[in-house]
PDB file of N, CA and C in Angstrom:
ATOM      1  N   UNK A   1     -19.155 -36.793 -13.922  1.00  0.00           N
ATOM      2  CA  UNK A   1     -17.898 -37.420 -14.234  1.00  0.00           C
ATOM      3  C   UNK A   1     -16.932 -36.377 -14.794  1.00  0.00           C
ATOM      4  N   UNK A   2     -15.707 -36.412 -14.317  1.00  0.00           N
ATOM      5  CA  UNK A   2     -14.678 -35.479 -14.771  1.00  0.00           C
ATOM      6  C   UNK A   2     -13.920 -36.108 -15.929  1.00  0.00           C
ATOM      7  N   UNK A   3     -13.763 -35.346 -17.027  1.00  0.00           N
ATOM      8  CA  UNK A   3     -13.028 -35.817 -18.189  1.00  0.00           C
ATOM      9  C   UNK A   3     -11.533 -35.559 -18.048  1.00  0.00           C
ATOM     10  N   UNK A   4     -11.168 -34.396 -17.545  1.00  0.00           N
ATOM     11  CA  UNK A   4      -9.772 -34.023 -17.332  1.00  0.00           C
ATOM     12  C   UNK A   4      -9.750 -32.689 -16.604  1.00  0.00           C
ATOM     13  N   UNK A   5      -8.564 -32.289 -16.178  1.00  0.00           N
ATOM     14  CA  UNK A   5      -8.409 -30.940 -15.655  1.00  0.00           C
ATOM     15  C   UNK A   5      -7.344 -30.222 -16.476  1.00  0.00           C
ATOM     16  N   UNK A   6      -7.499 -28.909 -16.584  1.00  0.00           N
ATOM     17  CA  UNK A   6      -6.522 -28.037 -17.217  1.00  0.00           C
ATOM     18  C   UNK A   6      -6.074 -27.031 -16.174  1.00  0.00           C
ATOM     19  N   UNK A   7      -4.840 -26.595 -16.274  1.00  0.00           N
ATOM     20  CA  UNK A   7      -4.392 -25.450 -15.490  1.00  0.00           C
ATOM     21  C   UNK A   7      -4.419 -24.270 -16.445  1.00  0.00           C
ATOM     22  N   UNK A   8      -5.284 -23.302 -16.152  1.00  0.00           N
ATOM     23  CA  UNK A   8      -5.446 -22.127 -17.006  1.00  0.00           C
ATOM     24  C   UNK A   8      -4.575 -20.994 -16.472  1.00  0.00           C
ATOM     25  N   UNK A   9      -3.826 -20.386 -17.374  1.00  0.00           N
ATOM     26  CA  UNK A   9      -2.899 -19.313 -17.002  1.00  0.00           C
ATOM     27  C   UNK A   9      -3.248 -18.075 -17.815  1.00  0.00           C
ATOM     28  N   UNK A  10      -3.717 -17.029 -17.140  1.00  0.00           N
ATOM     29  CA  UNK A  10      -4.002 -15.762 -17.799  1.00  0.00           C
ATOM     30  C   UNK A  10      -2.678 -15.104 -18.180  1.00  0.00           C
ATOM     31  N   UNK A  11      -2.612 -14.540 -19.377  1.00  0.00           N
ATOM     32  CA  UNK A  11      -1.372 -13.878 -19.780  1.00  0.00           C
ATOM     33  C   UNK A  11      -1.645 -12.796 -20.813  1.00  0.00           C
ATOM     34  N   UNK A  12      -0.808 -11.781 -20.771  1.00  0.00           N
ATOM     35  CA  UNK A  12      -0.906 -10.690 -21.735  1.00  0.00           C
ATOM     36  C   UNK A  12      -0.077 -10.986 -22.977  1.00  0.00           C
ATOM     37  N   UNK A  13       0.945 -11.854 -22.856  1.00  0.00           N
ATOM     38  CA  UNK A  13       1.791 -12.232 -23.993  1.00  0.00           C
ATOM     39  C   UNK A  13       1.780 -13.755 -24.101  1.00  0.00           C
ATOM     40  N   UNK A  14       0.897 -14.285 -24.953  1.00  0.00           N
ATOM     41  CA  UNK A  14       0.730 -15.740 -25.075  1.00  0.00           C
ATOM     42  C   UNK A  14       2.044 -16.445 -25.394  1.00  0.00           C
ATOM     43  N   UNK A  15       2.786 -15.937 -26.353  1.00  0.00           N
ATOM     44  CA  UNK A  15       4.024 -16.600 -26.774  1.00  0.00           C
ATOM     45  C   UNK A  15       5.050 -16.642 -25.639  1.00  0.00           C
ATOM     46  N   UNK A  16       5.243 -15.533 -24.975  1.00  0.00           N
ATOM     47  CA  UNK A  16       6.251 -15.459 -23.901  1.00  0.00           C
ATOM     48  C   UNK A  16       5.886 -16.370 -22.726  1.00  0.00           C
ATOM     49  N   UNK A  17       4.640 -16.288 -22.294  1.00  0.00           N
ATOM     50  CA  UNK A  17       4.220 -17.112 -21.156  1.00  0.00           C
ATOM     51  C   UNK A  17       4.217 -18.598 -21.510  1.00  0.00           C
ATOM     52  N   UNK A  18       3.784 -18.915 -22.713  1.00  0.00           N
ATOM     53  CA  UNK A  18       3.790 -20.303 -23.160  1.00  0.00           C
ATOM     54  C   UNK A  18       5.220 -20.849 -23.180  1.00  0.00           C
ATOM     55  N   UNK A  19       6.131 -20.081 -23.736  1.00  0.00           N
ATOM     56  CA  UNK A  19       7.532 -20.511 -23.804  1.00  0.00           C
ATOM     57  C   UNK A  19       8.097 -20.730 -22.400  1.00  0.00           C
ATOM     58  N   UNK A  20       7.816 -19.822 -21.477  1.00  0.00           N
ATOM     59  CA  UNK A  20       8.318 -19.940 -20.107  1.00  0.00           C
ATOM     60  C   UNK A  20       7.821 -21.226 -19.444  1.00  0.00           C
ATOM     61  N   UNK A  21       6.497 -21.405 -19.414  1.00  0.00           N
ATOM     62  CA  UNK A  21       5.921 -22.539 -18.684  1.00  0.00           C
ATOM     63  C   UNK A  21       6.228 -23.882 -19.329  1.00  0.00           C
ATOM     64  N   UNK A  22       6.223 -23.946 -20.663  1.00  0.00           N
ATOM     65  CA  UNK A  22       6.524 -25.229 -21.306  1.00  0.00           C
ATOM     66  C   UNK A  22       7.982 -25.614 -21.093  1.00  0.00           C
ATOM     67  N   UNK A  23       8.888 -24.637 -21.137  1.00  0.00           N
ATOM     68  CA  UNK A  23      10.302 -24.925 -20.881  1.00  0.00           C
ATOM     69  C   UNK A  23      10.517 -25.368 -19.436  1.00  0.00           C
ATOM     70  N   UNK A  24       9.922 -24.648 -18.508  1.00  0.00           N
ATOM     71  CA  UNK A  24      10.092 -24.955 -17.092  1.00  0.00           C
ATOM     72  C   UNK A  24       9.569 -26.343 -16.734  1.00  0.00           C
ATOM     73  N   UNK A  25       8.413 -26.711 -17.280  1.00  0.00           N
ATOM     74  CA  UNK A  25       7.761 -27.968 -16.911  1.00  0.00           C
ATOM     75  C   UNK A  25       8.047 -29.121 -17.872  1.00  0.00           C
ATOM     76  N   UNK A  26       8.804 -28.870 -18.935  1.00  0.00           N
ATOM     77  CA  UNK A  26       9.121 -29.924 -19.882  1.00  0.00           C
ATOM     78  C   UNK A  26       7.949 -30.329 -20.752  1.00  0.00           C
ATOM     79  N   UNK A  27       7.027 -29.417 -20.985  1.00  0.00           N
ATOM     80  CA  UNK A  27       5.858 -29.685 -21.815  1.00  0.00           C
ATOM     81  C   UNK A  27       6.206 -29.455 -23.284  1.00  0.00           C
ATOM     82  N   UNK A  28       5.414 -30.061 -24.184  1.00  0.00           N
ATOM     83  CA  UNK A  28       5.544 -29.779 -25.604  1.00  0.00           C
ATOM     84  C   UNK A  28       5.176 -28.318 -25.840  1.00  0.00           C
ATOM     85  N   UNK A  29       5.719 -27.743 -26.895  1.00  0.00           N
ATOM     86  CA  UNK A  29       5.363 -26.363 -27.232  1.00  0.00           C
ATOM     87  C   UNK A  29       3.858 -26.253 -27.383  1.00  0.00           C
ATOM     88  N   UNK A  30       3.327 -25.132 -26.963  1.00  0.00           N
ATOM     89  CA  UNK A  30       1.878 -24.960 -27.048  1.00  0.00           C
ATOM     90  C   UNK A  30       1.463 -24.628 -28.469  1.00  0.00           C
ATOM     91  N   UNK A  31       0.211 -24.932 -28.751  1.00  0.00           N
ATOM     92  CA  UNK A  31      -0.362 -24.664 -30.058  1.00  0.00           C
ATOM     93  C   UNK A  31      -1.632 -23.856 -29.894  1.00  0.00           C
ATOM     94  N   UNK A  32      -1.867 -22.918 -30.809  1.00  0.00           N
ATOM     95  CA  UNK A  32      -3.088 -22.112 -30.711  1.00  0.00           C
ATOM     96  C   UNK A  32      -4.349 -22.968 -30.843  1.00  0.00           C
ATOM     97  N   UNK A  33      -5.304 -22.709 -29.949  1.00  0.00           N
ATOM     98  CA  UNK A  33      -6.632 -23.297 -30.060  1.00  0.00           C
ATOM     99  C   UNK A  33      -7.501 -22.351 -30.898  1.00  0.00           C
ATOM    100  N   UNK A  34      -7.259 -21.058 -30.723  1.00  0.00           N
ATOM    101  CA  UNK A  34      -7.864 -19.980 -31.502  1.00  0.00           C
ATOM    102  C   UNK A  34      -7.025 -18.744 -31.226  1.00  0.00           C
ATOM    103  N   UNK A  35      -7.523 -17.555 -31.499  1.00  0.00           N
ATOM    104  CA  UNK A  35      -6.709 -16.347 -31.311  1.00  0.00           C
ATOM    105  C   UNK A  35      -6.571 -15.919 -29.854  1.00  0.00           C
ATOM    106  N   UNK A  36      -7.273 -16.577 -28.941  1.00  0.00           N
ATOM    107  CA  UNK A  36      -7.246 -16.183 -27.528  1.00  0.00           C
ATOM    108  C   UNK A  36      -6.694 -17.259 -26.601  1.00  0.00           C
ATOM    109  N   UNK A  37      -6.675 -18.506 -27.056  1.00  0.00           N
ATOM    110  CA  UNK A  37      -6.255 -19.627 -26.215  1.00  0.00           C
ATOM    111  C   UNK A  37      -5.183 -20.468 -26.905  1.00  0.00           C
ATOM    112  N   UNK A  38      -4.149 -20.842 -26.161  1.00  0.00           N
ATOM    113  CA  UNK A  38      -3.137 -21.794 -26.612  1.00  0.00           C
ATOM    114  C   UNK A  38      -3.125 -22.923 -25.598  1.00  0.00           C
ATOM    115  N   UNK A  39      -2.738 -24.128 -26.009  1.00  0.00           N
ATOM    116  CA  UNK A  39      -2.713 -25.272 -25.101  1.00  0.00           C
ATOM    117  C   UNK A  39      -1.428 -26.069 -25.280  1.00  0.00           C
ATOM    118  N   UNK A  40      -0.962 -26.679 -24.198  1.00  0.00           N
ATOM    119  CA  UNK A  40       0.242 -27.512 -24.226  1.00  0.00           C
ATOM    120  C   UNK A  40       0.023 -28.737 -23.350  1.00  0.00           C
ATOM    121  N   UNK A  41       0.612 -29.844 -23.765  1.00  0.00           N
ATOM    122  CA  UNK A  41       0.540 -31.077 -22.995  1.00  0.00           C
ATOM    123  C   UNK A  41       1.938 -31.602 -22.735  1.00  0.00           C
ATOM    124  N   UNK A  42       2.057 -32.424 -21.711  1.00  0.00           N
ATOM    125  CA  UNK A  42       3.335 -33.060 -21.407  1.00  0.00           C
ATOM    126  C   UNK A  42       3.550 -34.181 -22.412  1.00  0.00           C
ATOM    127  N   UNK A  43       4.798 -34.386 -22.885  1.00  0.00           N
ATOM    128  CA  UNK A  43       5.039 -35.412 -23.897  1.00  0.00           C
ATOM    129  C   UNK A  43       4.617 -36.817 -23.468  1.00  0.00           C
ATOM    130  N   UNK A  44       4.642 -37.100 -22.181  1.00  0.00           N
ATOM    131  CA  UNK A  44       4.261 -38.427 -21.695  1.00  0.00           C
ATOM    132  C   UNK A  44       2.750 -38.571 -21.539  1.00  0.00           C
ATOM    133  N   UNK A  45       2.038 -37.456 -21.656  1.00  0.00           N
ATOM    134  CA  UNK A  45       0.597 -37.483 -21.430  1.00  0.00           C
ATOM    135  C   UNK A  45       0.241 -37.333 -19.960  1.00  0.00           C
ATOM    136  N   UNK A  46       1.238 -37.282 -19.105  1.00  0.00           N
ATOM    137  CA  UNK A  46       1.002 -37.137 -17.665  1.00  0.00           C
ATOM    138  C   UNK A  46       0.692 -35.681 -17.331  1.00  0.00           C
ATOM    139  N   UNK A  47       0.001 -35.505 -16.254  1.00  0.00           N
ATOM    140  CA  UNK A  47      -0.276 -34.168 -15.760  1.00  0.00           C
ATOM    141  C   UNK A  47      -1.383 -33.472 -16.517  1.00  0.00           C
ATOM    142  N   UNK A  48      -1.782 -32.319 -16.026  1.00  0.00           N
ATOM    143  CA  UNK A  48      -2.861 -31.571 -16.669  1.00  0.00           C
ATOM    144  C   UNK A  48      -2.379 -30.865 -17.932  1.00  0.00           C
ATOM    145  N   UNK A  49      -3.315 -30.563 -18.792  1.00  0.00           N
ATOM    146  CA  UNK A  49      -3.015 -29.733 -19.958  1.00  0.00           C
ATOM    147  C   UNK A  49      -2.875 -28.299 -19.451  1.00  0.00           C
ATOM    148  N   UNK A  50      -1.951 -27.540 -20.024  1.00  0.00           N
ATOM    149  CA  UNK A  50      -1.813 -26.124 -19.722  1.00  0.00           C
ATOM    150  C   UNK A  50      -2.570 -25.342 -20.778  1.00  0.00           C
ATOM    151  N   UNK A  51      -3.407 -24.418 -20.346  1.00  0.00           N
ATOM    152  CA  UNK A  51      -4.148 -23.569 -21.273  1.00  0.00           C
ATOM    153  C   UNK A  51      -3.768 -22.126 -20.975  1.00  0.00           C
ATOM    154  N   UNK A  52      -3.226 -21.460 -21.972  1.00  0.00           N
ATOM    155  CA  UNK A  52      -2.824 -20.062 -21.851  1.00  0.00           C
ATOM    156  C   UNK A  52      -3.945 -19.214 -22.432  1.00  0.00           C
ATOM    157  N   UNK A  53      -4.449 -18.296 -21.618  1.00  0.00           N
ATOM    158  CA  UNK A  53      -5.610 -17.487 -21.979  1.00  0.00           C
ATOM    159  C   UNK A  53      -5.202 -16.032 -22.073  1.00  0.00           C
ATOM    160  N   UNK A  54      -5.376 -15.425 -23.245  1.00  0.00           N
ATOM    161  CA  UNK A  54      -5.021 -14.022 -23.430  1.00  0.00           C
ATOM    162  C   UNK A  54      -5.967 -13.111 -22.653  1.00  0.00           C
ATOM    163  N   UNK A  55      -5.390 -12.214 -21.874  1.00  0.00           N
ATOM    164  CA  UNK A  55      -6.162 -11.204 -21.142  1.00  0.00           C
ATOM    165  C   UNK A  55      -5.480  -9.858 -21.341  1.00  0.00           C
ATOM    166  N   UNK A  56      -6.214  -8.791 -21.126  1.00  0.00           N
ATOM    167  CA  UNK A  56      -5.660  -7.450 -21.289  1.00  0.00           C
ATOM    168  C   UNK A  56      -5.203  -6.824 -19.984  1.00  0.00           C
ATOM    169  N   UNK A  57      -5.671  -7.374 -18.870  1.00  0.00           N
ATOM    170  CA  UNK A  57      -5.386  -6.747 -17.588  1.00  0.00           C
ATOM    171  C   UNK A  57      -4.378  -7.558 -16.773  1.00  0.00           C
ATOM    172  N   UNK A  58      -3.623  -6.846 -15.937  1.00  0.00           N
ATOM    173  CA  UNK A  58      -2.669  -7.484 -15.035  1.00  0.00           C
ATOM    174  C   UNK A  58      -3.423  -8.031 -13.821  1.00  0.00           C
ATOM    175  N   UNK A  59      -2.879  -9.083 -13.184  1.00  0.00           N
ATOM    176  CA  UNK A  59      -3.530  -9.601 -11.974  1.00  0.00           C
ATOM    177  C   UNK A  59      -3.648  -8.513 -10.912  1.00  0.00           C
ATOM    178  N   UNK A  60      -4.794  -8.494 -10.223  1.00  0.00           N
ATOM    179  CA  UNK A  60      -4.984  -7.521  -9.155  1.00  0.00           C
ATOM    180  C   UNK A  60      -6.045  -8.027  -8.191  1.00  0.00           C
ATOM    181  N   UNK A  61      -5.918  -7.616  -6.949  1.00  0.00           N
ATOM    182  CA  UNK A  61      -6.917  -7.946  -5.940  1.00  0.00           C
ATOM    183  C   UNK A  61      -7.208  -9.427  -5.856  1.00  0.00           C
ATOM    184  N   UNK A  62      -8.478  -9.789  -5.966  1.00  0.00           N
ATOM    185  CA  UNK A  62      -8.882 -11.182  -5.804  1.00  0.00           C
ATOM    186  C   UNK A  62      -8.880 -11.956  -7.123  1.00  0.00           C
ATOM    187  N   UNK A  63      -8.504 -11.307  -8.233  1.00  0.00           N
ATOM    188  CA  UNK A  63      -8.477 -12.008  -9.523  1.00  0.00           C
ATOM    189  C   UNK A  63      -7.343 -13.023  -9.506  1.00  0.00           C
ATOM    190  N   UNK A  64      -7.681 -14.246  -9.800  1.00  0.00           N
ATOM    191  CA  UNK A  64      -6.711 -15.336  -9.781  1.00  0.00           C
ATOM    192  C   UNK A  64      -6.159 -15.562 -11.186  1.00  0.00           C
ATOM    193  N   UNK A  65      -4.869 -15.259 -11.444  1.00  0.00           N
ATOM    194  CA  UNK A  65      -4.335 -15.413 -12.781  1.00  0.00           C
ATOM    195  C   UNK A  65      -4.049 -16.870 -13.167  1.00  0.00           C
ATOM    196  N   UNK A  66      -4.027 -17.753 -12.213  1.00  0.00           N
ATOM    197  CA  UNK A  66      -3.854 -19.183 -12.483  1.00  0.00           C
ATOM    198  C   UNK A  66      -4.955 -19.921 -11.742  1.00  0.00           C
ATOM    199  N   UNK A  67      -5.687 -20.776 -12.467  1.00  0.00           N
ATOM    200  CA  UNK A  67      -6.774 -21.517 -11.842  1.00  0.00           C
ATOM    201  C   UNK A  67      -6.961 -22.855 -12.547  1.00  0.00           C
ATOM    202  N   UNK A  68      -7.744 -23.731 -11.965  1.00  0.00           N
ATOM    203  CA  UNK A  68      -8.005 -25.051 -12.533  1.00  0.00           C
ATOM    204  C   UNK A  68      -9.325 -25.026 -13.280  1.00  0.00           C
ATOM    205  N   UNK A  69      -9.291 -25.552 -14.509  1.00  0.00           N
ATOM    206  CA  UNK A  69     -10.510 -25.786 -15.287  1.00  0.00           C
ATOM    207  C   UNK A  69     -10.855 -27.259 -15.131  1.00  0.00           C
ATOM    208  N   UNK A  70     -12.046 -27.554 -14.645  1.00  0.00           N
ATOM    209  CA  UNK A  70     -12.491 -28.934 -14.452  1.00  0.00           C
ATOM    210  C   UNK A  70     -13.486 -29.259 -15.565  1.00  0.00           C
ATOM    211  N   UNK A  71     -13.075 -30.116 -16.507  1.00  0.00           N
ATOM    212  CA  UNK A  71     -13.931 -30.489 -17.635  1.00  0.00           C
ATOM    213  C   UNK A  71     -14.870 -31.602 -17.193  1.00  0.00           C
ATOM    214  N   UNK A  72     -16.162 -31.364 -17.383  1.00  0.00           N
ATOM    215  CA  UNK A  72     -17.191 -32.278 -16.889  1.00  0.00           C
ATOM    216  C   UNK A  72     -18.187 -32.621 -17.987  1.00  0.00           C
ATOM    217  N   UNK A  73     -18.904 -33.718 -17.784  1.00  0.00           N
ATOM    218  CA  UNK A  73     -19.955 -34.109 -18.727  1.00  0.00           C
ATOM    219  C   UNK A  73     -21.228 -33.290 -18.515  1.00  0.00           C
ATOM    220  N   UNK A  74     -21.508 -32.936 -17.248  1.00  0.00           N
ATOM    221  CA  UNK A  74     -22.731 -32.216 -16.924  1.00  0.00           C
ATOM    222  C   UNK A  74     -22.402 -31.096 -15.942  1.00  0.00           C
ATOM    223  N   UNK A  75     -22.478 -29.857 -16.419  1.00  0.00           N
ATOM    224  CA  UNK A  75     -22.077 -28.712 -15.609  1.00  0.00           C
ATOM    225  C   UNK A  75     -22.968 -28.534 -14.374  1.00  0.00           C
ATOM    226  N   UNK A  76     -24.257 -28.844 -14.499  1.00  0.00           N
ATOM    227  CA  UNK A  76     -25.174 -28.688 -13.365  1.00  0.00           C
ATOM    228  C   UNK A  76     -24.885 -29.725 -12.277  1.00  0.00           C
ATOM    229  N   UNK A  77     -24.588 -30.965 -12.661  1.00  0.00           N
ATOM    230  CA  UNK A  77     -24.221 -31.986 -11.672  1.00  0.00           C
ATOM    231  C   UNK A  77     -22.937 -31.591 -10.943  1.00  0.00           C
ATOM    232  N   UNK A  78     -21.968 -31.092 -11.709  1.00  0.00           N
ATOM    233  CA  UNK A  78     -20.700 -30.674 -11.104  1.00  0.00           C
ATOM    234  C   UNK A  78     -20.914 -29.488 -10.168  1.00  0.00           C
ATOM    235  N   UNK A  79     -21.775 -28.550 -10.569  1.00  0.00           N
ATOM    236  CA  UNK A  79     -22.092 -27.415  -9.712  1.00  0.00           C
ATOM    237  C   UNK A  79     -22.717 -27.878  -8.404  1.00  0.00           C
ATOM    238  N   UNK A  80     -23.593 -28.861  -8.477  1.00  0.00           N
ATOM    239  CA  UNK A  80     -24.207 -29.397  -7.254  1.00  0.00           C
ATOM    240  C   UNK A  80     -23.140 -29.959  -6.320  1.00  0.00           C
ATOM    241  N   UNK A  81     -22.116 -30.609  -6.879  1.00  0.00           N
ATOM    242  CA  UNK A  81     -21.026 -31.139  -6.057  1.00  0.00           C
ATOM    243  C   UNK A  81     -20.220 -30.001  -5.443  1.00  0.00           C
ATOM    244  N   UNK A  82     -19.941 -28.955  -6.225  1.00  0.00           N
ATOM    245  CA  UNK A  82     -19.216 -27.786  -5.704  1.00  0.00           C
ATOM    246  C   UNK A  82     -19.951 -27.216  -4.497  1.00  0.00           C
ATOM    247  N   UNK A  83     -21.240 -27.000  -4.638  1.00  0.00           N
ATOM    248  CA  UNK A  83     -22.030 -26.388  -3.563  1.00  0.00           C
ATOM    249  C   UNK A  83     -22.142 -27.316  -2.358  1.00  0.00           C
ATOM    250  N   UNK A  84     -22.394 -28.600  -2.590  1.00  0.00           N
ATOM    251  CA  UNK A  84     -22.505 -29.566  -1.491  1.00  0.00           C
ATOM    252  C   UNK A  84     -21.191 -29.723  -0.739  1.00  0.00           C
ATOM    253  N   UNK A  85     -20.087 -29.427  -1.408  1.00  0.00           N
ATOM    254  CA  UNK A  85     -18.761 -29.572  -0.789  1.00  0.00           C
ATOM    255  C   UNK A  85     -18.261 -28.285  -0.154  1.00  0.00           C
ATOM    256  N   UNK A  86     -19.096 -27.246  -0.132  1.00  0.00           N
ATOM    257  CA  UNK A  86     -18.725 -26.006   0.551  1.00  0.00           C
ATOM    258  C   UNK A  86     -18.274 -24.892  -0.364  1.00  0.00           C
ATOM    259  N   UNK A  87     -18.324 -25.107  -1.689  1.00  0.00           N
ATOM    260  CA  UNK A  87     -17.961 -24.063  -2.628  1.00  0.00           C
ATOM    261  C   UNK A  87     -19.170 -23.227  -3.007  1.00  0.00           C
ATOM    262  N   UNK A  88     -18.985 -22.323  -3.955  1.00  0.00           N
ATOM    263  CA  UNK A  88     -20.083 -21.474  -4.407  1.00  0.00           C
ATOM    264  C   UNK A  88     -19.868 -21.117  -5.875  1.00  0.00           C
ATOM    265  N   UNK A  89     -20.901 -20.591  -6.482  1.00  0.00           N
ATOM    266  CA  UNK A  89     -20.808 -20.170  -7.880  1.00  0.00           C
ATOM    267  C   UNK A  89     -20.580 -18.674  -7.939  1.00  0.00           C
ATOM    268  N   UNK A  90     -19.885 -18.223  -8.961  1.00  0.00           N
ATOM    269  CA  UNK A  90     -19.646 -16.804  -9.165  1.00  0.00           C
ATOM    270  C   UNK A  90     -20.605 -16.232 -10.200  1.00  0.00           C
ATOM    271  N   UNK A  91     -20.904 -17.015 -11.232  1.00  0.00           N
ATOM    272  CA  UNK A  91     -21.721 -16.546 -12.349  1.00  0.00           C
ATOM    273  C   UNK A  91     -23.161 -17.010 -12.191  1.00  0.00           C
ATOM    274  N   UNK A  92     -24.106 -16.161 -12.613  1.00  0.00           N
ATOM    275  CA  UNK A  92     -25.511 -16.562 -12.559  1.00  0.00           C
ATOM    276  C   UNK A  92     -25.850 -17.548 -13.666  1.00  0.00           C
ATOM    277  N   UNK A  93     -25.087 -17.510 -14.765  1.00  0.00           N
ATOM    278  CA  UNK A  93     -25.303 -18.430 -15.884  1.00  0.00           C
ATOM    279  C   UNK A  93     -23.946 -18.740 -16.510  1.00  0.00           C
ATOM    280  N   UNK A  94     -23.817 -19.891 -17.155  1.00  0.00           N
ATOM    281  CA  UNK A  94     -22.552 -20.216 -17.813  1.00  0.00           C
ATOM    282  C   UNK A  94     -22.196 -19.199 -18.903  1.00  0.00           C
ATOM    283  N   UNK A  95     -20.919 -19.006 -19.097  1.00  0.00           N
ATOM    284  CA  UNK A  95     -20.377 -18.175 -20.167  1.00  0.00           C
ATOM    285  C   UNK A  95     -20.133 -19.110 -21.351  1.00  0.00           C
ATOM    286  N   UNK A  96     -20.693 -18.806 -22.496  1.00  0.00           N
ATOM    287  CA  UNK A  96     -20.484 -19.646 -23.674  1.00  0.00           C
ATOM    288  C   UNK A  96     -19.412 -18.986 -24.524  1.00  0.00           C
ATOM    289  N   UNK A  97     -18.301 -19.731 -24.728  1.00  0.00           N
ATOM    290  CA  UNK A  97     -17.150 -19.175 -25.432  1.00  0.00           C
ATOM    291  C   UNK A  97     -16.276 -20.317 -25.926  1.00  0.00           C
ATOM    292  N   UNK A  98     -15.692 -20.174 -27.095  1.00  0.00           N
ATOM    293  CA  UNK A  98     -14.747 -21.142 -27.659  1.00  0.00           C
ATOM    294  C   UNK A  98     -15.328 -22.561 -27.713  1.00  0.00           C
ATOM    295  N   UNK A  99     -16.619 -22.659 -27.997  1.00  0.00           N
ATOM    296  CA  UNK A  99     -17.258 -23.959 -28.145  1.00  0.00           C
ATOM    297  C   UNK A  99     -17.570 -24.680 -26.852  1.00  0.00           C
ATOM    298  N   UNK A 100     -17.458 -23.988 -25.736  1.00  0.00           N
ATOM    299  CA  UNK A 100     -17.708 -24.594 -24.429  1.00  0.00           C
ATOM    300  C   UNK A 100     -18.566 -23.671 -23.574  1.00  0.00           C
ATOM    301  N   UNK A 101     -19.149 -24.247 -22.529  1.00  0.00           N
ATOM    302  CA  UNK A 101     -19.842 -23.469 -21.499  1.00  0.00           C
ATOM    303  C   UNK A 101     -18.943 -23.486 -20.267  1.00  0.00           C
ATOM    304  N   UNK A 102     -18.694 -22.324 -19.704  1.00  0.00           N
ATOM    305  CA  UNK A 102     -17.811 -22.161 -18.550  1.00  0.00           C
ATOM    306  C   UNK A 102     -18.616 -21.572 -17.404  1.00  0.00           C
ATOM    307  N   UNK A 103     -18.448 -22.127 -16.229  1.00  0.00           N
ATOM    308  CA  UNK A 103     -19.097 -21.576 -15.045  1.00  0.00           C
ATOM    309  C   UNK A 103     -18.025 -21.368 -13.989  1.00  0.00           C
ATOM    310  N   UNK A 104     -17.801 -20.104 -13.633  1.00  0.00           N
ATOM    311  CA  UNK A 104     -16.796 -19.800 -12.622  1.00  0.00           C
ATOM    312  C   UNK A 104     -17.355 -20.061 -11.237  1.00  0.00           C
ATOM    313  N   UNK A 105     -16.546 -20.716 -10.414  1.00  0.00           N
ATOM    314  CA  UNK A 105     -16.940 -21.052  -9.044  1.00  0.00           C
ATOM    315  C   UNK A 105     -15.796 -20.709  -8.103  1.00  0.00           C
ATOM    316  N   UNK A 106     -16.089 -20.799  -6.812  1.00  0.00           N
ATOM    317  CA  UNK A 106     -15.086 -20.598  -5.767  1.00  0.00           C
ATOM    318  C   UNK A 106     -15.045 -21.841  -4.899  1.00  0.00           C
ATOM    319  N   UNK A 107     -13.833 -22.242  -4.499  1.00  0.00           N
ATOM    320  CA  UNK A 107     -13.729 -23.330  -3.536  1.00  0.00           C
ATOM    321  C   UNK A 107     -14.030 -22.761  -2.149  1.00  0.00           C
ATOM    322  N   UNK A 108     -14.031 -23.578  -1.077  1.00  0.00           N
ATOM    323  CA  UNK A 108     -14.399 -23.065   0.248  1.00  0.00           C
ATOM    324  C   UNK A 108     -13.516 -21.922   0.761  1.00  0.00           C
ATOM    325  N   UNK A 109     -12.286 -21.759   0.222  1.00  0.00           N
ATOM    326  CA  UNK A 109     -11.417 -20.673   0.671  1.00  0.00           C
ATOM    327  C   UNK A 109     -11.366 -19.515  -0.308  1.00  0.00           C
ATOM    328  N   UNK A 110     -12.240 -19.535  -1.312  1.00  0.00           N
ATOM    329  CA  UNK A 110     -12.325 -18.414  -2.235  1.00  0.00           C
ATOM    330  C   UNK A 110     -11.430 -18.492  -3.458  1.00  0.00           C
ATOM    331  N   UNK A 111     -10.810 -19.639  -3.716  1.00  0.00           N
ATOM    332  CA  UNK A 111      -9.987 -19.817  -4.916  1.00  0.00           C
ATOM    333  C   UNK A 111     -10.886 -20.085  -6.110  1.00  0.00           C
ATOM    334  N   UNK A 112     -10.583 -19.458  -7.241  1.00  0.00           N
ATOM    335  CA  UNK A 112     -11.398 -19.594  -8.447  1.00  0.00           C
ATOM    336  C   UNK A 112     -11.119 -20.936  -9.131  1.00  0.00           C
ATOM    337  N   UNK A 113     -12.183 -21.542  -9.665  1.00  0.00           N
ATOM    338  CA  UNK A 113     -12.083 -22.691 -10.538  1.00  0.00           C
ATOM    339  C   UNK A 113     -13.166 -22.537 -11.579  1.00  0.00           C
ATOM    340  N   UNK A 114     -13.000 -23.186 -12.712  1.00  0.00           N
ATOM    341  CA  UNK A 114     -14.033 -23.149 -13.747  1.00  0.00           C
ATOM    342  C   UNK A 114     -14.527 -24.542 -14.033  1.00  0.00           C
ATOM    343  N   UNK A 115     -15.839 -24.705 -14.086  1.00  0.00           N
ATOM    344  CA  UNK A 115     -16.441 -25.923 -14.575  1.00  0.00           C
ATOM    345  C   UNK A 115     -16.641 -25.711 -16.066  1.00  0.00           C
ATOM    346  N   UNK A 116     -16.197 -26.682 -16.879  1.00  0.00           N
ATOM    347  CA  UNK A 116     -16.241 -26.541 -18.329  1.00  0.00           C
ATOM    348  C   UNK A 116     -16.969 -27.722 -18.932  1.00  0.00           C
ATOM    349  N   UNK A 117     -17.946 -27.427 -19.764  1.00  0.00           N
ATOM    350  CA  UNK A 117     -18.667 -28.480 -20.481  1.00  0.00           C
ATOM    351  C   UNK A 117     -18.619 -28.136 -21.965  1.00  0.00           C
ATOM    352  N   UNK A 118     -18.184 -29.066 -22.768  1.00  0.00           N
ATOM    353  CA  UNK A 118     -18.150 -28.838 -24.207  1.00  0.00           C
ATOM    354  C   UNK A 118     -16.807 -29.156 -24.804  1.00  0.00           C
ATOM    355  N   UNK A 119     -16.551 -28.570 -25.951  1.00  0.00           N
ATOM    356  CA  UNK A 119     -15.394 -28.900 -26.792  1.00  0.00           C
ATOM    357  C   UNK A 119     -14.071 -28.851 -26.047  1.00  0.00           C
ATOM    358  N   UNK A 120     -13.668 -27.674 -25.587  1.00  0.00           N
ATOM    359  CA  UNK A 120     -12.428 -27.476 -24.852  1.00  0.00           C
ATOM    360  C   UNK A 120     -11.323 -28.293 -25.344  1.00  0.00           C
TER     361      UNK A 120
END
């Protein structure tokens, strides 16, 4: 079961990118989740939450600077759906960070998505 989706945006300047995207989309100002992640929601509650993720590197090659985080109750069940639907996993094991387990996957055309289980 999916709890919600987030659109994750990698950025080198959290404040600048947050200000740009929240202004453009009419979202509430983002608030820090911790020192690496900020989040913003639309005032009506509609649409996905935006999560701004601090990174040190600029986008390059196949690295996707914007991707969907799919929050799930059971990461293994969700992974089975990804694989049965033609996707694949990138990581051999979930990454545990910020109170959640994250598993990076690819859709059938190679676009990155993350399965997320936990706090988020």
